[in-house]
Amino acid sequence: MHAARNLRLCTKDCICLFVCPTKATDTENGQVDFSKCLDGCRLCVDACPSHAIYLVNANYAEPAPKARRVSEKAFALLDRKAGEEAMVKQMLVKAAVPGKDAVNTANAGAALVLKALEKSLRIVAEDAAREAAYMLPQSSSTQMLIETLLQDRPKCGEGQFPEQELRELKGLLSRT
């Protein structure tokens, strides 16, 4: 474990400078030198009055494989939330006045609620996807998804299929 600093919380009290035995903290650039930071020392973490310094694990355990039933339920939830999100998008289009943003129309209140609902549904769907298959960028599940998208080329609604972007993403992820 090593220390890291949240610059938004840091009040530059600089107590971390005085308690760090290796001088790993630097308030000028906001960085903690990981090569100097002692594993699990936490003196700076405990001393920081603004709670801007925290510990970060160096290694994480491999996640346990999901039971097939859990993955199936999570994928079913993902499909349902994606369908609900599509319905909300259609409702937003209907609420809009041509040439104006829906938020600036008489339906402003409804449009704001629909936009919030759309965002909420997207977040739940993304969480379900991660829960179903551990959709980490470097995972084989992500690689298979990109390959499937490139082969099947699903309809993308507005615009064209992002083939070039998917190929670039696939190349980037294969290097990690």
Protein backbone atom coordinates (compact mmCIF):
# COMPACT_ATOMS: atom_id res chain seq x y z
CA MET A 1 0.00 0.00 0.00
CA HIS A 2 1.12 3.50 -0.70
CA ALA A 3 -0.31 6.93 0.02
CA ALA A 4 -2.06 9.16 -2.50
CA ARG A 5 -3.54 12.65 -2.19
CA ASN A 6 -6.91 14.01 -3.27
CA LEU A 7 -5.97 17.51 -4.41
CA ARG A 8 -9.54 18.77 -4.08
CA LEU A 9 -9.49 18.07 -0.36
CA CYS A 10 -5.93 19.19 0.35
CA THR A 11 -5.81 22.45 2.34
CA LYS A 12 -1.99 22.68 2.20
CA ASP A 13 -1.63 22.39 5.99
CA CYS A 14 1.62 20.51 5.20
CA ILE A 15 1.57 18.33 8.32
CA CYS A 16 2.28 15.40 6.01
CA LEU A 17 5.68 16.95 5.22
CA PHE A 18 6.71 16.82 8.86
CA VAL A 19 5.47 13.33 9.72
CA CYS A 20 6.66 11.48 6.61
CA PRO A 21 9.90 9.66 7.54
CA THR A 22 11.02 9.34 3.91
CA LYS A 23 9.93 12.78 2.58
CA ALA A 24 7.65 11.07 0.05
CA THR A 25 5.00 13.79 0.20
CA ASP A 26 5.21 16.98 -1.83
CA THR A 27 2.58 19.66 -1.38
CA GLU A 28 3.90 21.80 -4.24
CA ASN A 29 2.89 19.36 -6.97
CA GLY A 30 0.43 17.38 -4.86
CA GLN A 31 2.10 14.06 -5.55
CA VAL A 32 3.28 11.29 -3.27
CA ASP A 33 6.47 9.60 -4.48
CA PHE A 34 5.48 5.93 -4.47
CA SER A 35 9.12 4.80 -4.65
CA LYS A 36 9.80 6.54 -1.30
CA CYS A 37 6.47 5.75 0.38
CA LEU A 38 6.72 3.00 3.00
CA ASP A 39 4.24 0.16 2.53
CA GLY A 40 1.33 0.71 4.93
CA CYS A 41 3.09 3.41 7.02
CA ARG A 42 0.00 5.68 7.12
CA LEU A 43 1.59 8.40 9.26
CA CYS A 44 0.59 11.05 6.69
CA VAL A 45 -2.91 9.57 6.39
CA ASP A 46 -3.50 9.81 10.13
CA ALA A 47 -1.95 13.29 10.41
CA CYS A 48 -3.80 14.98 7.53
CA PRO A 49 -6.45 17.30 9.03
CA SER A 50 -8.37 17.58 5.74
CA HIS A 51 -8.42 13.81 5.12
CA ALA A 52 -6.92 14.39 1.68
CA ILE A 53 -4.40 11.54 1.96
CA TYR A 54 -5.47 7.91 1.67
CA LEU A 55 -3.87 4.50 1.11
CA VAL A 56 -4.04 2.67 -2.20
CA ASN A 57 -3.55 -1.07 -2.52
CA ALA A 58 -0.68 -2.09 -4.78
CA ASN A 59 -2.19 -5.49 -5.62
CA TYR A 60 -5.76 -6.68 -5.79
CA ALA A 61 -6.99 -10.23 -5.45
CA GLU A 62 -8.46 -11.94 -8.50
CA PRO A 63 -12.26 -11.78 -8.32
CA ALA A 64 -14.02 -15.07 -7.69
CA PRO A 65 -15.83 -16.43 -10.73
CA LYS A 66 -19.55 -15.70 -10.87
CA ALA A 67 -22.07 -18.47 -10.65
CA ARG A 68 -23.80 -18.96 -14.00
CA ARG A 69 -27.19 -18.16 -12.46
CA VAL A 70 -25.91 -14.82 -11.11
CA SER A 71 -24.49 -13.88 -14.51
CA GLU A 72 -27.74 -14.82 -16.26
CA LYS A 73 -29.80 -12.71 -13.84
CA ALA A 74 -27.42 -9.75 -14.22
CA PHE A 75 -27.56 -9.98 -18.02
CA ALA A 76 -31.38 -10.12 -17.85
CA LEU A 77 -31.35 -6.99 -15.70
CA LEU A 78 -28.98 -5.33 -18.18
CA ASP A 79 -31.34 -6.11 -21.08
CA ARG A 80 -34.36 -4.80 -19.17
CA LYS A 81 -32.63 -1.55 -18.16
CA ALA A 82 -31.34 -0.99 -21.70
CA GLY A 83 -34.90 -1.38 -23.00
CA GLU A 84 -36.23 1.01 -20.37
CA GLU A 85 -33.53 3.53 -21.27
CA ALA A 86 -34.56 3.33 -24.94
CA MET A 87 -38.20 4.01 -23.97
CA VAL A 88 -37.17 7.04 -21.90
CA LYS A 89 -35.15 8.38 -24.85
CA GLN A 90 -38.23 8.09 -27.06
CA MET A 91 -40.28 9.94 -24.44
CA LEU A 92 -37.65 12.70 -24.37
CA VAL A 93 -37.88 13.08 -28.14
CA LYS A 94 -41.67 13.37 -27.90
CA ALA A 95 -41.39 15.97 -25.12
CA ALA A 96 -39.10 18.21 -27.16
CA VAL A 97 -40.40 21.05 -29.29
CA PRO A 98 -38.78 21.05 -32.75
CA GLY A 99 -35.84 23.44 -32.80
CA LYS A 100 -35.69 23.78 -29.03
CA ASP A 101 -34.13 21.82 -26.22
CA ALA A 102 -36.77 19.88 -24.28
CA VAL A 103 -35.63 21.47 -21.04
CA ASN A 104 -36.58 24.95 -22.33
CA THR A 105 -40.13 24.02 -23.28
CA ALA A 106 -43.36 23.86 -21.33
CA ASN A 107 -42.45 20.23 -20.60
CA ALA A 108 -39.28 21.33 -18.76
CA GLY A 109 -40.13 19.56 -15.52
CA ALA A 110 -40.99 16.31 -17.26
CA ALA A 111 -37.89 16.54 -19.44
CA LEU A 112 -35.62 17.00 -16.41
CA VAL A 113 -37.16 13.98 -14.69
CA LEU A 114 -36.80 11.92 -17.89
CA LYS A 115 -33.14 12.93 -18.29
CA ALA A 116 -32.43 11.95 -14.69
CA LEU A 117 -34.25 8.65 -15.19
CA GLU A 118 -32.30 8.00 -18.40
CA LYS A 119 -28.99 8.54 -16.59
CA SER A 120 -30.07 6.37 -13.66
CA LEU A 121 -31.08 3.53 -15.98
CA ARG A 122 -27.73 3.76 -17.78
CA ILE A 123 -25.82 3.52 -14.51
CA VAL A 124 -27.81 0.49 -13.35
CA ALA A 125 -27.31 -1.19 -16.75
CA GLU A 126 -23.55 -0.58 -16.61
CA ASP A 127 -23.41 -1.96 -13.07
CA ALA A 128 -25.34 -5.05 -14.18
CA ALA A 129 -22.90 -5.60 -17.06
CA ARG A 130 -19.93 -5.38 -14.74
CA GLU A 131 -21.58 -7.65 -12.20
CA ALA A 132 -22.49 -10.21 -14.85
CA ALA A 133 -19.07 -10.61 -16.39
CA TYR A 134 -16.56 -8.41 -14.62
CA MET A 135 -16.36 -6.10 -17.61
CA LEU A 136 -12.88 -4.88 -16.86
CA PRO A 137 -11.06 -3.36 -19.83
CA GLN A 138 -8.37 -6.02 -19.78
CA SER A 139 -10.75 -8.96 -19.32
CA SER A 140 -11.40 -11.61 -21.92
CA SER A 141 -15.11 -10.72 -21.70
CA THR A 142 -14.37 -7.22 -22.97
CA GLN A 143 -12.20 -8.58 -25.78
CA MET A 144 -15.00 -10.97 -26.81
CA LEU A 145 -17.58 -8.16 -26.69
CA ILE A 146 -15.49 -5.95 -28.98
CA GLU A 147 -14.89 -8.84 -31.38
CA THR A 148 -18.63 -9.66 -31.43
CA LEU A 149 -19.51 -6.03 -32.12
CA LEU A 150 -17.01 -5.89 -34.97
CA GLN A 151 -18.41 -9.08 -36.50
CA ASP A 152 -22.14 -8.42 -36.00
CA ARG A 153 -22.11 -4.63 -36.58
CA PRO A 154 -25.37 -3.86 -34.71
CA LYS A 155 -27.48 -0.85 -35.65
CA CYS A 156 -26.28 2.20 -33.74
CA GLY A 157 -29.21 4.56 -34.08
CA GLU A 158 -27.82 7.93 -35.01
CA GLY A 159 -24.55 8.04 -36.89
CA GLN A 160 -22.48 5.23 -38.26
CA PHE A 161 -21.07 2.12 -36.67
CA PRO A 162 -17.83 3.08 -34.81
CA GLU A 163 -15.67 0.40 -36.42
CA GLN A 164 -12.46 2.43 -36.42
CA GLU A 165 -12.87 3.39 -32.76
CA LEU A 166 -13.55 -0.22 -31.75
CA ARG A 167 -10.45 -1.41 -33.64
CA GLU A 168 -8.35 1.26 -31.91
CA LEU A 169 -9.79 0.28 -28.53
CA LYS A 170 -9.08 -3.38 -29.22
CA GLY A 171 -5.49 -2.52 -30.07
CA LEU A 172 -5.04 -0.45 -26.92
CA LEU A 173 -6.50 -3.14 -24.68
CA SER A 174 -4.40 -5.90 -26.22
CA ARG A 175 -1.26 -4.01 -25.10
CA THR A 176 -2.26 -3.92 -21.42
